[in-house]
Amino acid sequence: MCELMAIGATLAFAAWHFALVRRGRRDSAVFAAMLMFLGASLMWGVDCAAGALEGEPLLDLSKDDALLGCIVLASGMAAFGLFKVFCRVSARRGAVS
């Protein structure tokens, strides 16, 4: 379940990033979040493939795995929020100087 959640978050942030690029804007916080969730997706993809080779089911749809996915999504969104605030504060300091 956490694999599917990470892939969904990656796709959402990738769509947001490319929509901003199409409009001629860039947002480093969105790009960083996309890369964070992409890394998590790749990590769990390898883990799922290794588990499948050992005879385990490809996707773990248990309650514990869903809780882990929620924790990772919450942590990623918190990191995104902190990075967004940091970027805005840095931009204001640059504009004032």
PDB file of N, CA and C in Angstrom:
ATOM      1  N   MET A   1       0.830  -1.187   0.000  1.00  0.00           N
ATOM      2  CA  MET A   1       0.000   0.000   0.000  1.00  0.00           C
ATOM      3  C   MET A   1       0.874   1.250   0.000  1.00  0.00           C
ATOM      4  N   CYS A   2       1.967   1.243   0.775  1.00  0.00           N
ATOM      5  CA  CYS A   2       2.827   2.428   0.823  1.00  0.00           C
ATOM      6  C   CYS A   2       3.457   2.685  -0.544  1.00  0.00           C
ATOM      7  N   GLU A   3       3.717   1.641  -1.317  1.00  0.00           N
ATOM      8  CA  GLU A   3       4.243   1.805  -2.677  1.00  0.00           C
ATOM      9  C   GLU A   3       3.254   2.582  -3.539  1.00  0.00           C
ATOM     10  N   LEU A   4       1.986   2.198  -3.458  1.00  0.00           N
ATOM     11  CA  LEU A   4       0.967   2.887  -4.257  1.00  0.00           C
ATOM     12  C   LEU A   4       0.785   4.334  -3.818  1.00  0.00           C
ATOM     13  N   MET A   5       0.871   4.584  -2.513  1.00  0.00           N
ATOM     14  CA  MET A   5       0.743   5.958  -2.015  1.00  0.00           C
ATOM     15  C   MET A   5       1.910   6.819  -2.484  1.00  0.00           C
ATOM     16  N   ALA A   6       3.114   6.273  -2.447  1.00  0.00           N
ATOM     17  CA  ALA A   6       4.287   7.016  -2.885  1.00  0.00           C
ATOM     18  C   ALA A   6       4.227   7.302  -4.386  1.00  0.00           C
ATOM     19  N   ILE A   7       3.774   6.343  -5.160  1.00  0.00           N
ATOM     20  CA  ILE A   7       3.631   6.558  -6.605  1.00  0.00           C
ATOM     21  C   ILE A   7       2.585   7.630  -6.878  1.00  0.00           C
ATOM     22  N   GLY A   8       1.474   7.592  -6.155  1.00  0.00           N
ATOM     23  CA  GLY A   8       0.440   8.610  -6.324  1.00  0.00           C
ATOM     24  C   GLY A   8       0.951  10.008  -5.995  1.00  0.00           C
ATOM     25  N   ALA A   9       1.715  10.128  -4.902  1.00  0.00           N
ATOM     26  CA  ALA A   9       2.277  11.425  -4.532  1.00  0.00           C
ATOM     27  C   ALA A   9       3.294  11.894  -5.572  1.00  0.00           C
ATOM     28  N   THR A  10       4.092  10.973  -6.087  1.00  0.00           N
ATOM     29  CA  THR A  10       5.050  11.322  -7.137  1.00  0.00           C
ATOM     30  C   THR A  10       4.333  11.855  -8.365  1.00  0.00           C
ATOM     31  N   LEU A  11       3.279  11.180  -8.784  1.00  0.00           N
ATOM     32  CA  LEU A  11       2.533  11.621  -9.965  1.00  0.00           C
ATOM     33  C   LEU A  11       1.862  12.968  -9.740  1.00  0.00           C
ATOM     34  N   ALA A  12       1.340  13.192  -8.539  1.00  0.00           N
ATOM     35  CA  ALA A  12       0.686  14.471  -8.249  1.00  0.00           C
ATOM     36  C   ALA A  12       1.696  15.620  -8.284  1.00  0.00           C
ATOM     37  N   PHE A  13       2.848  15.436  -7.635  1.00  0.00           N
ATOM     38  CA  PHE A  13       3.851  16.496  -7.635  1.00  0.00           C
ATOM     39  C   PHE A  13       4.491  16.670  -9.008  1.00  0.00           C
ATOM     40  N   ALA A  14       4.629  15.591  -9.780  1.00  0.00           N
ATOM     41  CA  ALA A  14       5.165  15.709 -11.133  1.00  0.00           C
ATOM     42  C   ALA A  14       4.207  16.503 -12.018  1.00  0.00           C
ATOM     43  N   ALA A  15       2.916  16.236 -11.902  1.00  0.00           N
ATOM     44  CA  ALA A  15       1.930  16.989 -12.686  1.00  0.00           C
ATOM     45  C   ALA A  15       1.956  18.462 -12.292  1.00  0.00           C
ATOM     46  N   TRP A  16       2.056  18.735 -11.002  1.00  0.00           N
ATOM     47  CA  TRP A  16       2.128  20.121 -10.518  1.00  0.00           C
ATOM     48  C   TRP A  16       3.393  20.802 -11.046  1.00  0.00           C
ATOM     49  N   HIS A  17       4.519  20.103 -10.976  1.00  0.00           N
ATOM     50  CA  HIS A  17       5.788  20.667 -11.437  1.00  0.00           C
ATOM     51  C   HIS A  17       5.734  20.998 -12.931  1.00  0.00           C
ATOM     52  N   PHE A  18       5.260  20.053 -13.739  1.00  0.00           N
ATOM     53  CA  PHE A  18       5.243  20.281 -15.172  1.00  0.00           C
ATOM     54  C   PHE A  18       4.203  21.323 -15.585  1.00  0.00           C
ATOM     55  N   ALA A  19       3.132  21.452 -14.814  1.00  0.00           N
ATOM     56  CA  ALA A  19       2.173  22.524 -15.075  1.00  0.00           C
ATOM     57  C   ALA A  19       2.809  23.882 -14.796  1.00  0.00           C
ATOM     58  N   LEU A  20       3.599  23.976 -13.737  1.00  0.00           N
ATOM     59  CA  LEU A  20       4.302  25.229 -13.443  1.00  0.00           C
ATOM     60  C   LEU A  20       5.347  25.542 -14.509  1.00  0.00           C
ATOM     61  N   VAL A  21       6.071  24.530 -14.961  1.00  0.00           N
ATOM     62  CA  VAL A  21       7.083  24.732 -16.003  1.00  0.00           C
ATOM     63  C   VAL A  21       6.421  25.199 -17.292  1.00  0.00           C
ATOM     64  N   ARG A  22       5.277  24.639 -17.605  1.00  0.00           N
ATOM     65  CA  ARG A  22       4.569  25.032 -18.823  1.00  0.00           C
ATOM     66  C   ARG A  22       4.160  26.504 -18.766  1.00  0.00           C
ATOM     67  N   ARG A  23       3.859  27.003 -17.566  1.00  0.00           N
ATOM     68  CA  ARG A  23       3.484  28.410 -17.392  1.00  0.00           C
ATOM     69  C   ARG A  23       4.703  29.322 -17.272  1.00  0.00           C
ATOM     70  N   GLY A  24       5.893  28.740 -17.321  1.00  0.00           N
ATOM     71  CA  GLY A  24       7.103  29.533 -17.232  1.00  0.00           C
ATOM     72  C   GLY A  24       7.532  29.849 -15.816  1.00  0.00           C
ATOM     73  N   ARG A  25       7.005  29.131 -14.852  1.00  0.00           N
ATOM     74  CA  ARG A  25       7.360  29.341 -13.454  1.00  0.00           C
ATOM     75  C   ARG A  25       8.075  28.097 -12.948  1.00  0.00           C
ATOM     76  N   ARG A  26       8.893  28.298 -11.955  1.00  0.00           N
ATOM     77  CA  ARG A  26       9.578  27.172 -11.317  1.00  0.00           C
ATOM     78  C   ARG A  26       9.371  27.270  -9.823  1.00  0.00           C
ATOM     79  N   ASP A  27       9.233  26.126  -9.184  1.00  0.00           N
ATOM     80  CA  ASP A  27       9.077  26.077  -7.736  1.00  0.00           C
ATOM     81  C   ASP A  27       9.970  24.952  -7.223  1.00  0.00           C
ATOM     82  N   SER A  28      11.040  25.338  -6.537  1.00  0.00           N
ATOM     83  CA  SER A  28      12.001  24.335  -6.083  1.00  0.00           C
ATOM     84  C   SER A  28      11.416  23.426  -5.008  1.00  0.00           C
ATOM     85  N   ALA A  29      10.442  23.910  -4.234  1.00  0.00           N
ATOM     86  CA  ALA A  29       9.826  23.070  -3.213  1.00  0.00           C
ATOM     87  C   ALA A  29       9.013  21.947  -3.855  1.00  0.00           C
ATOM     88  N   VAL A  30       8.292  22.250  -4.911  1.00  0.00           N
ATOM     89  CA  VAL A  30       7.508  21.233  -5.619  1.00  0.00           C
ATOM     90  C   VAL A  30       8.444  20.210  -6.257  1.00  0.00           C
ATOM     91  N   PHE A  31       9.524  20.706  -6.863  1.00  0.00           N
ATOM     92  CA  PHE A  31      10.484  19.811  -7.502  1.00  0.00           C
ATOM     93  C   PHE A  31      11.145  18.896  -6.472  1.00  0.00           C
ATOM     94  N   ALA A  32      11.526  19.455  -5.320  1.00  0.00           N
ATOM     95  CA  ALA A  32      12.159  18.653  -4.269  1.00  0.00           C
ATOM     96  C   ALA A  32      11.200  17.590  -3.732  1.00  0.00           C
ATOM     97  N   ALA A  33       9.939  17.957  -3.537  1.00  0.00           N
ATOM     98  CA  ALA A  33       8.954  16.980  -3.063  1.00  0.00           C
ATOM     99  C   ALA A  33       8.759  15.863  -4.085  1.00  0.00           C
ATOM    100  N   MET A  34       8.732  16.236  -5.362  1.00  0.00           N
ATOM    101  CA  MET A  34       8.600  15.227  -6.410  1.00  0.00           C
ATOM    102  C   MET A  34       9.770  14.250  -6.347  1.00  0.00           C
ATOM    103  N   LEU A  35      10.981  14.772  -6.166  1.00  0.00           N
ATOM    104  CA  LEU A  35      12.150  13.892  -6.093  1.00  0.00           C
ATOM    105  C   LEU A  35      12.144  13.029  -4.838  1.00  0.00           C
ATOM    106  N   MET A  36      11.676  13.577  -3.716  1.00  0.00           N
ATOM    107  CA  MET A  36      11.597  12.785  -2.485  1.00  0.00           C
ATOM    108  C   MET A  36      10.655  11.598  -2.662  1.00  0.00           C
ATOM    109  N   PHE A  37       9.468  11.868  -3.193  1.00  0.00           N
ATOM    110  CA  PHE A  37       8.503  10.786  -3.372  1.00  0.00           C
ATOM    111  C   PHE A  37       8.937   9.824  -4.483  1.00  0.00           C
ATOM    112  N   LEU A  38       9.638  10.323  -5.486  1.00  0.00           N
ATOM    113  CA  LEU A  38      10.168   9.442  -6.530  1.00  0.00           C
ATOM    114  C   LEU A  38      11.190   8.480  -5.927  1.00  0.00           C
ATOM    115  N   GLY A  39      12.047   8.991  -5.056  1.00  0.00           N
ATOM    116  CA  GLY A  39      13.019   8.129  -4.382  1.00  0.00           C
ATOM    117  C   GLY A  39      12.343   7.060  -3.539  1.00  0.00           C
ATOM    118  N   ALA A  40      11.300   7.459  -2.815  1.00  0.00           N
ATOM    119  CA  ALA A  40      10.564   6.482  -2.003  1.00  0.00           C
ATOM    120  C   ALA A  40       9.887   5.439  -2.892  1.00  0.00           C
ATOM    121  N   SER A  41       9.341   5.885  -4.010  1.00  0.00           N
ATOM    122  CA  SER A  41       8.690   4.943  -4.937  1.00  0.00           C
ATOM    123  C   SER A  41       9.684   3.938  -5.502  1.00  0.00           C
ATOM    124  N   LEU A  42      10.849   4.429  -5.886  1.00  0.00           N
ATOM    125  CA  LEU A  42      11.869   3.517  -6.420  1.00  0.00           C
ATOM    126  C   LEU A  42      12.351   2.538  -5.348  1.00  0.00           C
ATOM    127  N   MET A  43      12.543   3.040  -4.128  1.00  0.00           N
ATOM    128  CA  MET A  43      12.992   2.182  -3.036  1.00  0.00           C
ATOM    129  C   MET A  43      11.977   1.069  -2.780  1.00  0.00           C
ATOM    130  N   TRP A  44      10.695   1.444  -2.669  1.00  0.00           N
ATOM    131  CA  TRP A  44       9.690   0.427  -2.402  1.00  0.00           C
ATOM    132  C   TRP A  44       9.439  -0.456  -3.619  1.00  0.00           C
ATOM    133  N   GLY A  45       9.663   0.062  -4.808  1.00  0.00           N
ATOM    134  CA  GLY A  45       9.538  -0.770  -6.004  1.00  0.00           C
ATOM    135  C   GLY A  45      10.555  -1.904  -6.002  1.00  0.00           C
ATOM    136  N   VAL A  46      11.790  -1.560  -5.641  1.00  0.00           N
ATOM    137  CA  VAL A  46      12.837  -2.587  -5.537  1.00  0.00           C
ATOM    138  C   VAL A  46      12.493  -3.563  -4.421  1.00  0.00           C
ATOM    139  N   ASP A  47      12.003  -3.050  -3.295  1.00  0.00           N
ATOM    140  CA  ASP A  47      11.630  -3.920  -2.176  1.00  0.00           C
ATOM    141  C   ASP A  47      10.491  -4.861  -2.561  1.00  0.00           C
ATOM    142  N   CYS A  48       9.500  -4.340  -3.271  1.00  0.00           N
ATOM    143  CA  CYS A  48       8.374  -5.180  -3.714  1.00  0.00           C
ATOM    144  C   CYS A  48       8.846  -6.248  -4.692  1.00  0.00           C
ATOM    145  N   ALA A  49       9.735  -5.871  -5.619  1.00  0.00           N
ATOM    146  CA  ALA A  49      10.246  -6.842  -6.594  1.00  0.00           C
ATOM    147  C   ALA A  49      11.076  -7.919  -5.899  1.00  0.00           C
ATOM    148  N   ALA A  50      11.907  -7.517  -4.931  1.00  0.00           N
ATOM    149  CA  ALA A  50      12.719  -8.500  -4.208  1.00  0.00           C
ATOM    150  C   ALA A  50      11.824  -9.439  -3.399  1.00  0.00           C
ATOM    151  N   GLY A  51      10.785  -8.888  -2.787  1.00  0.00           N
ATOM    152  CA  GLY A  51       9.851  -9.729  -2.040  1.00  0.00           C
ATOM    153  C   GLY A  51       9.116 -10.694  -2.947  1.00  0.00           C
ATOM    154  N   ALA A  52       8.735 -10.225  -4.144  1.00  0.00           N
ATOM    155  CA  ALA A  52       8.026 -11.094  -5.089  1.00  0.00           C
ATOM    156  C   ALA A  52       8.929 -12.231  -5.563  1.00  0.00           C
ATOM    157  N   LEU A  53      10.218 -11.953  -5.729  1.00  0.00           N
ATOM    158  CA  LEU A  53      11.145 -13.008  -6.135  1.00  0.00           C
ATOM    159  C   LEU A  53      11.323 -14.068  -5.048  1.00  0.00           C
ATOM    160  N   GLU A  54      11.090 -13.674  -3.792  1.00  0.00           N
ATOM    161  CA  GLU A  54      11.202 -14.613  -2.681  1.00  0.00           C
ATOM    162  C   GLU A  54       9.890 -15.327  -2.385  1.00  0.00           C
ATOM    163  N   GLY A  55       8.847 -15.028  -3.166  1.00  0.00           N
ATOM    164  CA  GLY A  55       7.582 -15.725  -3.002  1.00  0.00           C
ATOM    165  C   GLY A  55       6.517 -14.956  -2.250  1.00  0.00           C
ATOM    166  N   GLU A  56       6.810 -13.743  -1.825  1.00  0.00           N
ATOM    167  CA  GLU A  56       5.808 -12.920  -1.137  1.00  0.00           C
ATOM    168  C   GLU A  56       4.873 -12.293  -2.171  1.00  0.00           C
ATOM    169  N   PRO A  57       3.711 -11.817  -1.733  1.00  0.00           N
ATOM    170  CA  PRO A  57       2.842 -11.108  -2.675  1.00  0.00           C
ATOM    171  C   PRO A  57       3.508  -9.819  -3.149  1.00  0.00           C
ATOM    172  N   LEU A  58       3.176  -9.390  -4.365  1.00  0.00           N
ATOM    173  CA  LEU A  58       3.813  -8.208  -4.955  1.00  0.00           C
ATOM    174  C   LEU A  58       3.510  -6.949  -4.151  1.00  0.00           C
ATOM    175  N   LEU A  59       2.263  -6.765  -3.770  1.00  0.00           N
ATOM    176  CA  LEU A  59       1.870  -5.595  -2.992  1.00  0.00           C
ATOM    177  C   LEU A  59       1.337  -6.030  -1.636  1.00  0.00           C
ATOM    178  N   ASP A  60       1.755  -5.329  -0.610  1.00  0.00           N
ATOM    179  CA  ASP A  60       1.279  -5.593   0.745  1.00  0.00           C
ATOM    180  C   ASP A  60       0.124  -4.629   1.018  1.00  0.00           C
ATOM    181  N   LEU A  61      -1.082  -5.147   1.151  1.00  0.00           N
ATOM    182  CA  LEU A  61      -2.256  -4.309   1.352  1.00  0.00           C
ATOM    183  C   LEU A  61      -2.756  -4.386   2.794  1.00  0.00           C
ATOM    184  N   SER A  62      -1.841  -4.573   3.723  1.00  0.00           N
ATOM    185  CA  SER A  62      -2.228  -4.697   5.130  1.00  0.00           C
ATOM    186  C   SER A  62      -2.451  -3.325   5.758  1.00  0.00           C
ATOM    187  N   LYS A  63      -3.056  -3.359   6.933  1.00  0.00           N
ATOM    188  CA  LYS A  63      -3.323  -2.122   7.676  1.00  0.00           C
ATOM    189  C   LYS A  63      -2.015  -1.457   8.111  1.00  0.00           C
ATOM    190  N   ASP A  64      -1.038  -2.255   8.527  1.00  0.00           N
ATOM    191  CA  ASP A  64       0.253  -1.714   8.955  1.00  0.00           C
ATOM    192  C   ASP A  64       0.981  -1.021   7.804  1.00  0.00           C
ATOM    193  N   ASP A  65       0.917  -1.600   6.620  1.00  0.00           N
ATOM    194  CA  ASP A  65       1.562  -0.999   5.455  1.00  0.00           C
ATOM    195  C   ASP A  65       0.854   0.289   5.043  1.00  0.00           C
ATOM    196  N   ALA A  66      -0.456   0.318   5.187  1.00  0.00           N
ATOM    197  CA  ALA A  66      -1.200   1.553   4.895  1.00  0.00           C
ATOM    198  C   ALA A  66      -0.843   2.643   5.896  1.00  0.00           C
ATOM    199  N   LEU A  67      -0.660   2.267   7.156  1.00  0.00           N
ATOM    200  CA  LEU A  67      -0.241   3.233   8.172  1.00  0.00           C
ATOM    201  C   LEU A  67       1.155   3.766   7.867  1.00  0.00           C
ATOM    202  N   LEU A  68       2.048   2.899   7.440  1.00  0.00           N
ATOM    203  CA  LEU A  68       3.385   3.323   7.053  1.00  0.00           C
ATOM    204  C   LEU A  68       3.321   4.301   5.882  1.00  0.00           C
ATOM    205  N   GLY A  69       2.470   4.011   4.907  1.00  0.00           N
ATOM    206  CA  GLY A  69       2.297   4.923   3.776  1.00  0.00           C
ATOM    207  C   GLY A  69       1.773   6.274   4.208  1.00  0.00           C
ATOM    208  N   CYS A  70       0.834   6.297   5.139  1.00  0.00           N
ATOM    209  CA  CYS A  70       0.303   7.567   5.652  1.00  0.00           C
ATOM    210  C   CYS A  70       1.374   8.361   6.389  1.00  0.00           C
ATOM    211  N   ILE A  71       2.211   7.667   7.151  1.00  0.00           N
ATOM    212  CA  ILE A  71       3.296   8.339   7.866  1.00  0.00           C
ATOM    213  C   ILE A  71       4.298   8.937   6.883  1.00  0.00           C
ATOM    214  N   VAL A  72       4.620   8.198   5.848  1.00  0.00           N
ATOM    215  CA  VAL A  72       5.565   8.704   4.851  1.00  0.00           C
ATOM    216  C   VAL A  72       4.965   9.886   4.099  1.00  0.00           C
ATOM    217  N   LEU A  73       3.691   9.812   3.733  1.00  0.00           N
ATOM    218  CA  LEU A  73       3.049  10.947   3.065  1.00  0.00           C
ATOM    219  C   LEU A  73       3.010  12.178   3.965  1.00  0.00           C
ATOM    220  N   ALA A  74       2.691  11.984   5.231  1.00  0.00           N
ATOM    221  CA  ALA A  74       2.661  13.109   6.167  1.00  0.00           C
ATOM    222  C   ALA A  74       4.050  13.709   6.345  1.00  0.00           C
ATOM    223  N   SER A  75       5.059  12.870   6.444  1.00  0.00           N
ATOM    224  CA  SER A  75       6.435  13.365   6.582  1.00  0.00           C
ATOM    225  C   SER A  75       6.878  14.119   5.335  1.00  0.00           C
ATOM    226  N   GLY A  76       6.540  13.594   4.181  1.00  0.00           N
ATOM    227  CA  GLY A  76       6.890  14.265   2.925  1.00  0.00           C
ATOM    228  C   GLY A  76       6.182  15.598   2.773  1.00  0.00           C
ATOM    229  N   MET A  77       4.917  15.639   3.172  1.00  0.00           N
ATOM    230  CA  MET A  77       4.181  16.905   3.081  1.00  0.00           C
ATOM    231  C   MET A  77       4.715  17.911   4.097  1.00  0.00           C
ATOM    232  N   ALA A  78       5.132  17.452   5.276  1.00  0.00           N
ATOM    233  CA  ALA A  78       5.727  18.351   6.267  1.00  0.00           C
ATOM    234  C   ALA A  78       7.052  18.906   5.748  1.00  0.00           C
ATOM    235  N   ALA A  79       7.867  18.058   5.135  1.00  0.00           N
ATOM    236  CA  ALA A  79       9.130  18.518   4.557  1.00  0.00           C
ATOM    237  C   ALA A  79       8.867  19.510   3.426  1.00  0.00           C
ATOM    238  N   PHE A  80       7.848  19.244   2.612  1.00  0.00           N
ATOM    239  CA  PHE A  80       7.470  20.164   1.538  1.00  0.00           C
ATOM    240  C   PHE A  80       7.055  21.520   2.119  1.00  0.00           C
ATOM    241  N   GLY A  81       6.246  21.508   3.155  1.00  0.00           N
ATOM    242  CA  GLY A  81       5.803  22.754   3.783  1.00  0.00           C
ATOM    243  C   GLY A  81       6.954  23.550   4.362  1.00  0.00           C
ATOM    244  N   LEU A  82       7.872  22.869   5.051  1.00  0.00           N
ATOM    245  CA  LEU A  82       9.031  23.553   5.618  1.00  0.00           C
ATOM    246  C   LEU A  82       9.926  24.135   4.524  1.00  0.00           C
ATOM    247  N   PHE A  83      10.126  23.390   3.459  1.00  0.00           N
ATOM    248  CA  PHE A  83      10.951  23.870   2.362  1.00  0.00           C
ATOM    249  C   PHE A  83      10.290  25.061   1.668  1.00  0.00           C
ATOM    250  N   LYS A  84       8.973  25.017   1.539  1.00  0.00           N
ATOM    251  CA  LYS A  84       8.233  26.121   0.921  1.00  0.00           C
ATOM    252  C   LYS A  84       8.388  27.394   1.762  1.00  0.00           C
ATOM    253  N   VAL A  85       8.247  27.268   3.077  1.00  0.00           N
ATOM    254  CA  VAL A  85       8.417  28.415   3.971  1.00  0.00           C
ATOM    255  C   VAL A  85       9.850  28.936   3.883  1.00  0.00           C
ATOM    256  N   PHE A  86      10.831  28.036   3.893  1.00  0.00           N
ATOM    257  CA  PHE A  86      12.233  28.430   3.799  1.00  0.00           C
ATOM    258  C   PHE A  86      12.493  29.193   2.498  1.00  0.00           C
ATOM    259  N   CYS A  87      11.933  28.727   1.381  1.00  0.00           N
ATOM    260  CA  CYS A  87      12.127  29.407   0.095  1.00  0.00           C
ATOM    261  C   CYS A  87      11.508  30.800   0.110  1.00  0.00           C
ATOM    262  N   ARG A  88      10.341  30.946   0.704  1.00  0.00           N
ATOM    263  CA  ARG A  88       9.701  32.265   0.768  1.00  0.00           C
ATOM    264  C   ARG A  88      10.482  33.227   1.639  1.00  0.00           C
ATOM    265  N   VAL A  89      10.973  32.749   2.777  1.00  0.00           N
ATOM    266  CA  VAL A  89      11.765  33.613   3.660  1.00  0.00           C
ATOM    267  C   VAL A  89      13.054  34.027   2.957  1.00  0.00           C
ATOM    268  N   SER A  90      13.703  33.107   2.267  1.00  0.00           N
ATOM    269  CA  SER A  90      14.918  33.418   1.541  1.00  0.00           C
ATOM    270  C   SER A  90      14.657  34.433   0.429  1.00  0.00           C
ATOM    271  N   ALA A  91      13.541  34.301  -0.258  1.00  0.00           N
ATOM    272  CA  ALA A  91      13.196  35.236  -1.331  1.00  0.00           C
ATOM    273  C   ALA A  91      12.932  36.623  -0.774  1.00  0.00           C
ATOM    274  N   ARG A  92      12.283  36.704   0.376  1.00  0.00           N
ATOM    275  CA  ARG A  92      12.025  38.015   0.980  1.00  0.00           C
ATOM    276  C   ARG A  92      13.305  38.684   1.456  1.00  0.00           C
ATOM    277  N   ARG A  93      14.214  37.892   2.005  1.00  0.00           N
ATOM    278  CA  ARG A  93      15.501  38.449   2.440  1.00  0.00           C
ATOM    279  C   ARG A  93      16.286  38.971   1.248  1.00  0.00           C
ATOM    280  N   GLY A  94      16.226  38.238   0.140  1.00  0.00           N
ATOM    281  CA  GLY A  94      16.925  38.675  -1.076  1.00  0.00           C
ATOM    282  C   GLY A  94      16.318  39.940  -1.653  1.00  0.00           C
ATOM    283  N   ALA A  95      14.992  40.077  -1.553  1.00  0.00           N
ATOM    284  CA  ALA A  95      14.301  41.260  -2.098  1.00  0.00           C
ATOM    285  C   ALA A  95      14.560  42.495  -1.232  1.00  0.00           C
ATOM    286  N   VAL A  96      14.720  42.310   0.069  1.00  0.00           N
ATOM    287  CA  VAL A  96      14.946  43.427   0.977  1.00  0.00           C
ATOM    288  C   VAL A  96      16.366  43.962   0.847  1.00  0.00           C
ATOM    289  N   SER A  97      17.329  43.061   0.624  1.00  0.00           N
ATOM    290  CA  SER A  97      18.742  43.476   0.572  1.00  0.00           C
ATOM    291  C   SER A  97      19.052  44.354  -0.593  1.00  0.00           C
TER     292      SER A  97
END
